[in-house]
Amino acid sequence: MLRCKFCVSSIATEEDRRTLVLQATNQKDGDNQDWSQWTPSGELKIVVTNKAAFEKIDAMKRGDYYWLDLSPIEKQS
């Protein structure tokens, strides 16, 4: 597993979707050393159309930090 710390940079709210943008964060606490030795760079943009997930996304605020965990899965046939 690879663990990366990201920060919410924007959340766009529409009736039928939420668009969430996260940016890699460069904090001096060393939390991102697993994948970036000096200056992390990255962006994740997610468009969510499942209204059941809107409540969780609506609770997020710009500037909040989240872990992005990348774990391999077995190939499914």
PDB file of N, CA and C in Angstrom:
ATOM      1  N   MET A   1       0.840  -1.184   0.000  1.00  0.00           N
ATOM      2  CA  MET A   1       0.000   0.000   0.000  1.00  0.00           C
ATOM      3  C   MET A   1       0.880   1.240   0.000  1.00  0.00           C
ATOM      4  N   LEU A   2       0.430   2.234  -0.709  1.00  0.00           N
ATOM      5  CA  LEU A   2       1.090   3.534  -0.763  1.00  0.00           C
ATOM      6  C   LEU A   2       0.119   4.561  -0.199  1.00  0.00           C
ATOM      7  N   ARG A   3       0.558   5.342   0.780  1.00  0.00           N
ATOM      8  CA  ARG A   3      -0.316   6.322   1.435  1.00  0.00           C
ATOM      9  C   ARG A   3       0.163   7.729   1.119  1.00  0.00           C
ATOM     10  N   CYS A   4      -0.766   8.561   0.619  1.00  0.00           N
ATOM     11  CA  CYS A   4      -0.458   9.938   0.214  1.00  0.00           C
ATOM     12  C   CYS A   4      -1.440  10.885   0.904  1.00  0.00           C
ATOM     13  N   LYS A   5      -0.930  12.005   1.390  1.00  0.00           N
ATOM     14  CA  LYS A   5      -1.802  12.997   2.028  1.00  0.00           C
ATOM     15  C   LYS A   5      -2.218  14.035   0.987  1.00  0.00           C
ATOM     16  N   PHE A   6      -3.542  14.263   0.892  1.00  0.00           N
ATOM     17  CA  PHE A   6      -4.092  15.226  -0.054  1.00  0.00           C
ATOM     18  C   PHE A   6      -4.968  16.223   0.694  1.00  0.00           C
ATOM     19  N   CYS A   7      -5.131  17.386   0.080  1.00  0.00           N
ATOM     20  CA  CYS A   7      -5.921  18.466   0.656  1.00  0.00           C
ATOM     21  C   CYS A   7      -7.056  18.826  -0.304  1.00  0.00           C
ATOM     22  N   VAL A   8      -8.239  19.059   0.239  1.00  0.00           N
ATOM     23  CA  VAL A   8      -9.373  19.467  -0.592  1.00  0.00           C
ATOM     24  C   VAL A   8      -9.109  20.875  -1.107  1.00  0.00           C
ATOM     25  N   SER A   9      -9.053  21.021  -2.432  1.00  0.00           N
ATOM     26  CA  SER A   9      -8.837  22.359  -2.999  1.00  0.00           C
ATOM     27  C   SER A   9     -10.130  22.968  -3.517  1.00  0.00           C
ATOM     28  N   SER A  10     -11.090  22.128  -3.917  1.00  0.00           N
ATOM     29  CA  SER A  10     -12.382  22.680  -4.330  1.00  0.00           C
ATOM     30  C   SER A  10     -13.449  21.597  -4.318  1.00  0.00           C
ATOM     31  N   ILE A  11     -14.680  22.047  -4.106  1.00  0.00           N
ATOM     32  CA  ILE A  11     -15.849  21.180  -4.186  1.00  0.00           C
ATOM     33  C   ILE A  11     -16.924  21.946  -4.943  1.00  0.00           C
ATOM     34  N   ALA A  12     -17.346  21.401  -6.068  1.00  0.00           N
ATOM     35  CA  ALA A  12     -18.425  22.010  -6.844  1.00  0.00           C
ATOM     36  C   ALA A  12     -19.693  21.202  -6.590  1.00  0.00           C
ATOM     37  N   THR A  13     -20.751  21.907  -6.209  1.00  0.00           N
ATOM     38  CA  THR A  13     -22.019  21.256  -5.867  1.00  0.00           C
ATOM     39  C   THR A  13     -23.055  21.582  -6.923  1.00  0.00           C
ATOM     40  N   GLU A  14     -23.576  20.538  -7.539  1.00  0.00           N
ATOM     41  CA  GLU A  14     -24.680  20.676  -8.475  1.00  0.00           C
ATOM     42  C   GLU A  14     -25.783  19.738  -8.025  1.00  0.00           C
ATOM     43  N   GLU A  15     -26.966  19.895  -8.584  1.00  0.00           N
ATOM     44  CA  GLU A  15     -28.100  19.089  -8.139  1.00  0.00           C
ATOM     45  C   GLU A  15     -27.840  17.596  -8.295  1.00  0.00           C
ATOM     46  N   ASP A  16     -27.237  17.193  -9.402  1.00  0.00           N
ATOM     47  CA  ASP A  16     -27.084  15.770  -9.694  1.00  0.00           C
ATOM     48  C   ASP A  16     -25.657  15.243  -9.560  1.00  0.00           C
ATOM     49  N   ARG A  17     -24.733  16.073  -9.066  1.00  0.00           N
ATOM     50  CA  ARG A  17     -23.341  15.634  -8.946  1.00  0.00           C
ATOM     51  C   ARG A  17     -22.557  16.519  -8.010  1.00  0.00           C
ATOM     52  N   ARG A  18     -21.443  15.976  -7.545  1.00  0.00           N
ATOM     53  CA  ARG A  18     -20.450  16.726  -6.779  1.00  0.00           C
ATOM     54  C   ARG A  18     -19.112  16.495  -7.457  1.00  0.00           C
ATOM     55  N   THR A  19     -18.356  17.556  -7.630  1.00  0.00           N
ATOM     56  CA  THR A  19     -17.014  17.441  -8.200  1.00  0.00           C
ATOM     57  C   THR A  19     -16.025  17.846  -7.128  1.00  0.00           C
ATOM     58  N   LEU A  20     -15.189  16.899  -6.756  1.00  0.00           N
ATOM     59  CA  LEU A  20     -14.230  17.066  -5.675  1.00  0.00           C
ATOM     60  C   LEU A  20     -12.825  17.068  -6.265  1.00  0.00           C
ATOM     61  N   VAL A  21     -12.035  18.093  -5.924  1.00  0.00           N
ATOM     62  CA  VAL A  21     -10.653  18.182  -6.393  1.00  0.00           C
ATOM     63  C   VAL A  21      -9.730  18.197  -5.183  1.00  0.00           C
ATOM     64  N   LEU A  22      -8.774  17.285  -5.185  1.00  0.00           N
ATOM     65  CA  LEU A  22      -7.789  17.171  -4.110  1.00  0.00           C
ATOM     66  C   LEU A  22      -6.403  17.410  -4.676  1.00  0.00           C
ATOM     67  N   GLN A  23      -5.552  18.102  -3.918  1.00  0.00           N
ATOM     68  CA  GLN A  23      -4.181  18.383  -4.316  1.00  0.00           C
ATOM     69  C   GLN A  23      -3.227  17.714  -3.334  1.00  0.00           C
ATOM     70  N   ALA A  24      -2.106  17.231  -3.851  1.00  0.00           N
ATOM     71  CA  ALA A  24      -1.074  16.699  -2.965  1.00  0.00           C
ATOM     72  C   ALA A  24      -0.601  17.815  -2.051  1.00  0.00           C
ATOM     73  N   THR A  25      -0.310  17.472  -0.812  1.00  0.00           N
ATOM     74  CA  THR A  25       0.090  18.489   0.149  1.00  0.00           C
ATOM     75  C   THR A  25       1.560  18.336   0.513  1.00  0.00           C
ATOM     76  N   ASN A  26       2.184  19.458   0.787  1.00  0.00           N
ATOM     77  CA  ASN A  26       3.584  19.481   1.175  1.00  0.00           C
ATOM     78  C   ASN A  26       3.678  20.047   2.576  1.00  0.00           C
ATOM     79  N   GLN A  27       3.468  19.190   3.557  1.00  0.00           N
ATOM     80  CA  GLN A  27       3.581  19.633   4.939  1.00  0.00           C
ATOM     81  C   GLN A  27       4.917  19.189   5.503  1.00  0.00           C
ATOM     82  N   LYS A  28       5.406  19.911   6.446  1.00  0.00           N
ATOM     83  CA  LYS A  28       6.728  19.659   6.992  1.00  0.00           C
ATOM     84  C   LYS A  28       6.753  18.521   8.021  1.00  0.00           C
ATOM     85  N   ASP A  29       5.600  17.883   8.239  1.00  0.00           N
ATOM     86  CA  ASP A  29       5.563  16.813   9.229  1.00  0.00           C
ATOM     87  C   ASP A  29       6.023  15.467   8.690  1.00  0.00           C
ATOM     88  N   GLY A  30       6.336  15.396   7.403  1.00  0.00           N
ATOM     89  CA  GLY A  30       6.884  14.173   6.830  1.00  0.00           C
ATOM     90  C   GLY A  30       5.862  13.110   6.491  1.00  0.00           C
ATOM     91  N   ASP A  31       4.579  13.437   6.548  1.00  0.00           N
ATOM     92  CA  ASP A  31       3.548  12.438   6.282  1.00  0.00           C
ATOM     93  C   ASP A  31       3.581  11.877   4.862  1.00  0.00           C
ATOM     94  N   ASN A  32       4.116  12.624   3.919  1.00  0.00           N
ATOM     95  CA  ASN A  32       4.114  12.170   2.528  1.00  0.00           C
ATOM     96  C   ASN A  32       5.413  11.493   2.117  1.00  0.00           C
ATOM     97  N   GLN A  33       6.277  11.201   3.044  1.00  0.00           N
ATOM     98  CA  GLN A  33       7.570  10.622   2.685  1.00  0.00           C
ATOM     99  C   GLN A  33       7.458   9.248   2.039  1.00  0.00           C
ATOM    100  N   ASP A  34       6.334   8.568   2.209  1.00  0.00           N
ATOM    101  CA  ASP A  34       6.164   7.262   1.574  1.00  0.00           C
ATOM    102  C   ASP A  34       6.303   7.342   0.057  1.00  0.00           C
ATOM    103  N   TRP A  35       5.858   8.448  -0.524  1.00  0.00           N
ATOM    104  CA  TRP A  35       5.843   8.510  -1.980  1.00  0.00           C
ATOM    105  C   TRP A  35       6.542   9.735  -2.559  1.00  0.00           C
ATOM    106  N   SER A  36       6.877  10.723  -1.749  1.00  0.00           N
ATOM    107  CA  SER A  36       7.529  11.920  -2.278  1.00  0.00           C
ATOM    108  C   SER A  36       8.567  12.422  -1.287  1.00  0.00           C
ATOM    109  N   GLN A  37       9.809  12.399  -1.704  1.00  0.00           N
ATOM    110  CA  GLN A  37      10.880  12.768  -0.795  1.00  0.00           C
ATOM    111  C   GLN A  37      10.909  14.266  -0.498  1.00  0.00           C
ATOM    112  N   TRP A  38      10.612  15.111  -1.491  1.00  0.00           N
ATOM    113  CA  TRP A  38      10.706  16.560  -1.266  1.00  0.00           C
ATOM    114  C   TRP A  38       9.382  17.272  -1.485  1.00  0.00           C
ATOM    115  N   THR A  39       9.008  17.492  -2.701  1.00  0.00           N
ATOM    116  CA  THR A  39       7.812  18.286  -2.992  1.00  0.00           C
ATOM    117  C   THR A  39       6.770  17.430  -3.701  1.00  0.00           C
ATOM    118  N   PRO A  40       5.750  16.983  -2.988  1.00  0.00           N
ATOM    119  CA  PRO A  40       4.732  16.162  -3.641  1.00  0.00           C
ATOM    120  C   PRO A  40       3.969  16.956  -4.691  1.00  0.00           C
ATOM    121  N   SER A  41       3.609  16.285  -5.748  1.00  0.00           N
ATOM    122  CA  SER A  41       2.847  16.910  -6.813  1.00  0.00           C
ATOM    123  C   SER A  41       1.776  15.933  -7.253  1.00  0.00           C
ATOM    124  N   GLY A  42       0.547  16.393  -7.328  1.00  0.00           N
ATOM    125  CA  GLY A  42      -0.519  15.526  -7.790  1.00  0.00           C
ATOM    126  C   GLY A  42      -1.871  16.163  -7.607  1.00  0.00           C
ATOM    127  N   GLU A  43      -2.825  15.711  -8.411  1.00  0.00           N
ATOM    128  CA  GLU A  43      -4.192  16.199  -8.327  1.00  0.00           C
ATOM    129  C   GLU A  43      -5.130  15.041  -8.601  1.00  0.00           C
ATOM    130  N   LEU A  44      -6.197  14.973  -7.842  1.00  0.00           N
ATOM    131  CA  LEU A  44      -7.226  13.963  -8.041  1.00  0.00           C
ATOM    132  C   LEU A  44      -8.555  14.688  -8.184  1.00  0.00           C
ATOM    133  N   LYS A  45      -9.255  14.423  -9.277  1.00  0.00           N
ATOM    134  CA  LYS A  45     -10.568  15.028  -9.516  1.00  0.00           C
ATOM    135  C   LYS A  45     -11.579  13.890  -9.611  1.00  0.00           C
ATOM    136  N   ILE A  46     -12.614  13.964  -8.785  1.00  0.00           N
ATOM    137  CA  ILE A  46     -13.630  12.926  -8.739  1.00  0.00           C
ATOM    138  C   ILE A  46     -14.998  13.565  -8.965  1.00  0.00           C
ATOM    139  N   VAL A  47     -15.751  13.014  -9.892  1.00  0.00           N
ATOM    140  CA  VAL A  47     -17.138  13.433 -10.103  1.00  0.00           C
ATOM    141  C   VAL A  47     -18.018  12.325  -9.546  1.00  0.00           C
ATOM    142  N   VAL A  48     -18.820  12.666  -8.536  1.00  0.00           N
ATOM    143  CA  VAL A  48     -19.674  11.693  -7.861  1.00  0.00           C
ATOM    144  C   VAL A  48     -21.124  11.960  -8.246  1.00  0.00           C
ATOM    145  N   THR A  49     -21.800  10.932  -8.748  1.00  0.00           N
ATOM    146  CA  THR A  49     -23.203  11.068  -9.133  1.00  0.00           C
ATOM    147  C   THR A  49     -24.121  10.203  -8.286  1.00  0.00           C
ATOM    148  N   ASN A  50     -23.564   9.523  -7.296  1.00  0.00           N
ATOM    149  CA  ASN A  50     -24.357   8.702  -6.380  1.00  0.00           C
ATOM    150  C   ASN A  50     -24.850   9.594  -5.249  1.00  0.00           C
ATOM    151  N   LYS A  51     -26.128   9.901  -5.270  1.00  0.00           N
ATOM    152  CA  LYS A  51     -26.683  10.830  -4.275  1.00  0.00           C
ATOM    153  C   LYS A  51     -26.522  10.328  -2.851  1.00  0.00           C
ATOM    154  N   ALA A  52     -26.366   9.030  -2.662  1.00  0.00           N
ATOM    155  CA  ALA A  52     -26.159   8.476  -1.324  1.00  0.00           C
ATOM    156  C   ALA A  52     -24.821   8.932  -0.740  1.00  0.00           C
ATOM    157  N   ALA A  53     -23.879   9.323  -1.588  1.00  0.00           N
ATOM    158  CA  ALA A  53     -22.562   9.779  -1.127  1.00  0.00           C
ATOM    159  C   ALA A  53     -22.497  11.288  -0.923  1.00  0.00           C
ATOM    160  N   PHE A  54     -23.509  12.025  -1.347  1.00  0.00           N
ATOM    161  CA  PHE A  54     -23.473  13.489  -1.277  1.00  0.00           C
ATOM    162  C   PHE A  54     -23.306  14.002   0.155  1.00  0.00           C
ATOM    163  N   GLU A  55     -23.925  13.353   1.117  1.00  0.00           N
ATOM    164  CA  GLU A  55     -23.848  13.821   2.499  1.00  0.00           C
ATOM    165  C   GLU A  55     -22.398  13.829   2.987  1.00  0.00           C
ATOM    166  N   LYS A  56     -21.643  12.785   2.659  1.00  0.00           N
ATOM    167  CA  LYS A  56     -20.232  12.721   3.076  1.00  0.00           C
ATOM    168  C   LYS A  56     -19.408  13.793   2.383  1.00  0.00           C
ATOM    169  N   ILE A  57     -19.657  14.006   1.100  1.00  0.00           N
ATOM    170  CA  ILE A  57     -18.900  15.020   0.365  1.00  0.00           C
ATOM    171  C   ILE A  57     -19.282  16.416   0.846  1.00  0.00           C
ATOM    172  N   ASP A  58     -20.557  16.634   1.115  1.00  0.00           N
ATOM    173  CA  ASP A  58     -21.019  17.942   1.585  1.00  0.00           C
ATOM    174  C   ASP A  58     -20.426  18.296   2.948  1.00  0.00           C
ATOM    175  N   ALA A  59     -19.999  17.302   3.717  1.00  0.00           N
ATOM    176  CA  ALA A  59     -19.374  17.546   5.023  1.00  0.00           C
ATOM    177  C   ALA A  59     -17.905  17.959   4.878  1.00  0.00           C
ATOM    178  N   MET A  60     -17.323  17.733   3.714  1.00  0.00           N
ATOM    179  CA  MET A  60     -15.927  18.119   3.475  1.00  0.00           C
ATOM    180  C   MET A  60     -15.840  19.623   3.273  1.00  0.00           C
ATOM    181  N   LYS A  61     -14.723  20.183   3.671  1.00  0.00           N
ATOM    182  CA  LYS A  61     -14.488  21.617   3.515  1.00  0.00           C
ATOM    183  C   LYS A  61     -13.155  21.840   2.816  1.00  0.00           C
ATOM    184  N   ARG A  62     -13.076  22.936   2.074  1.00  0.00           N
ATOM    185  CA  ARG A  62     -11.816  23.317   1.442  1.00  0.00           C
ATOM    186  C   ARG A  62     -10.749  23.470   2.529  1.00  0.00           C
ATOM    187  N   GLY A  63      -9.585  22.869   2.297  1.00  0.00           N
ATOM    188  CA  GLY A  63      -8.508  22.930   3.271  1.00  0.00           C
ATOM    189  C   GLY A  63      -8.426  21.707   4.177  1.00  0.00           C
ATOM    190  N   ASP A  64      -9.460  20.844   4.150  1.00  0.00           N
ATOM    191  CA  ASP A  64      -9.409  19.601   4.918  1.00  0.00           C
ATOM    192  C   ASP A  64      -8.404  18.648   4.294  1.00  0.00           C
ATOM    193  N   TYR A  65      -7.780  17.825   5.134  1.00  0.00           N
ATOM    194  CA  TYR A  65      -6.786  16.848   4.668  1.00  0.00           C
ATOM    195  C   TYR A  65      -7.355  15.447   4.730  1.00  0.00           C
ATOM    196  N   TYR A  66      -6.962  14.630   3.741  1.00  0.00           N
ATOM    197  CA  TYR A  66      -7.406  13.244   3.667  1.00  0.00           C
ATOM    198  C   TYR A  66      -6.256  12.374   3.177  1.00  0.00           C
ATOM    199  N   TRP A  67      -6.271  11.129   3.600  1.00  0.00           N
ATOM    200  CA  TRP A  67      -5.333  10.148   3.094  1.00  0.00           C
ATOM    201  C   TRP A  67      -5.880   9.546   1.812  1.00  0.00           C
ATOM    202  N   LEU A  68      -5.025   9.380   0.849  1.00  0.00           N
ATOM    203  CA  LEU A  68      -5.338   8.638  -0.366  1.00  0.00           C
ATOM    204  C   LEU A  68      -4.512   7.362  -0.297  1.00  0.00           C
ATOM    205  N   ASP A  69      -5.170   6.239  -0.080  1.00  0.00           N
ATOM    206  CA  ASP A  69      -4.482   4.960   0.039  1.00  0.00           C
ATOM    207  C   ASP A  69      -4.598   4.189  -1.269  1.00  0.00           C
ATOM    208  N   LEU A  70      -3.461   3.790  -1.801  1.00  0.00           N
ATOM    209  CA  LEU A  70      -3.415   3.016  -3.040  1.00  0.00           C
ATOM    210  C   LEU A  70      -2.997   1.603  -2.680  1.00  0.00           C
ATOM    211  N   SER A  71      -3.941   0.705  -2.783  1.00  0.00           N
ATOM    212  CA  SER A  71      -3.690  -0.695  -2.437  1.00  0.00           C
ATOM    213  C   SER A  71      -3.982  -1.564  -3.648  1.00  0.00           C
ATOM    214  N   PRO A  72      -3.091  -2.494  -3.950  1.00  0.00           N
ATOM    215  CA  PRO A  72      -3.334  -3.372  -5.102  1.00  0.00           C
ATOM    216  C   PRO A  72      -4.509  -4.310  -4.837  1.00  0.00           C
ATOM    217  N   ILE A  73      -5.195  -4.668  -5.891  1.00  0.00           N
ATOM    218  CA  ILE A  73      -6.259  -5.659  -5.800  1.00  0.00           C
ATOM    219  C   ILE A  73      -5.933  -6.797  -6.752  1.00  0.00           C
ATOM    220  N   GLU A  74      -6.461  -7.948  -6.443  1.00  0.00           N
ATOM    221  CA  GLU A  74      -6.232  -9.077  -7.313  1.00  0.00           C
ATOM    222  C   GLU A  74      -7.037  -8.889  -8.596  1.00  0.00           C
ATOM    223  N   LYS A  75      -6.436  -9.290  -9.684  1.00  0.00           N
ATOM    224  CA  LYS A  75      -7.128  -9.195 -10.973  1.00  0.00           C
ATOM    225  C   LYS A  75      -8.354 -10.084 -10.941  1.00  0.00           C
ATOM    226  N   GLN A  76      -9.475  -9.501 -11.313  1.00  0.00           N
ATOM    227  CA  GLN A  76     -10.719 -10.261 -11.331  1.00  0.00           C
ATOM    228  C   GLN A  76     -11.050 -10.652 -12.747  1.00  0.00           C
ATOM    229  N   SER A  77     -11.589 -11.850 -12.912  1.00  0.00           N
ATOM    230  CA  SER A  77     -11.920 -12.305 -14.269  1.00  0.00           C
ATOM    231  C   SER A  77     -13.352 -12.036 -14.612  1.00  0.00           C
TER     232      SER A  77
END
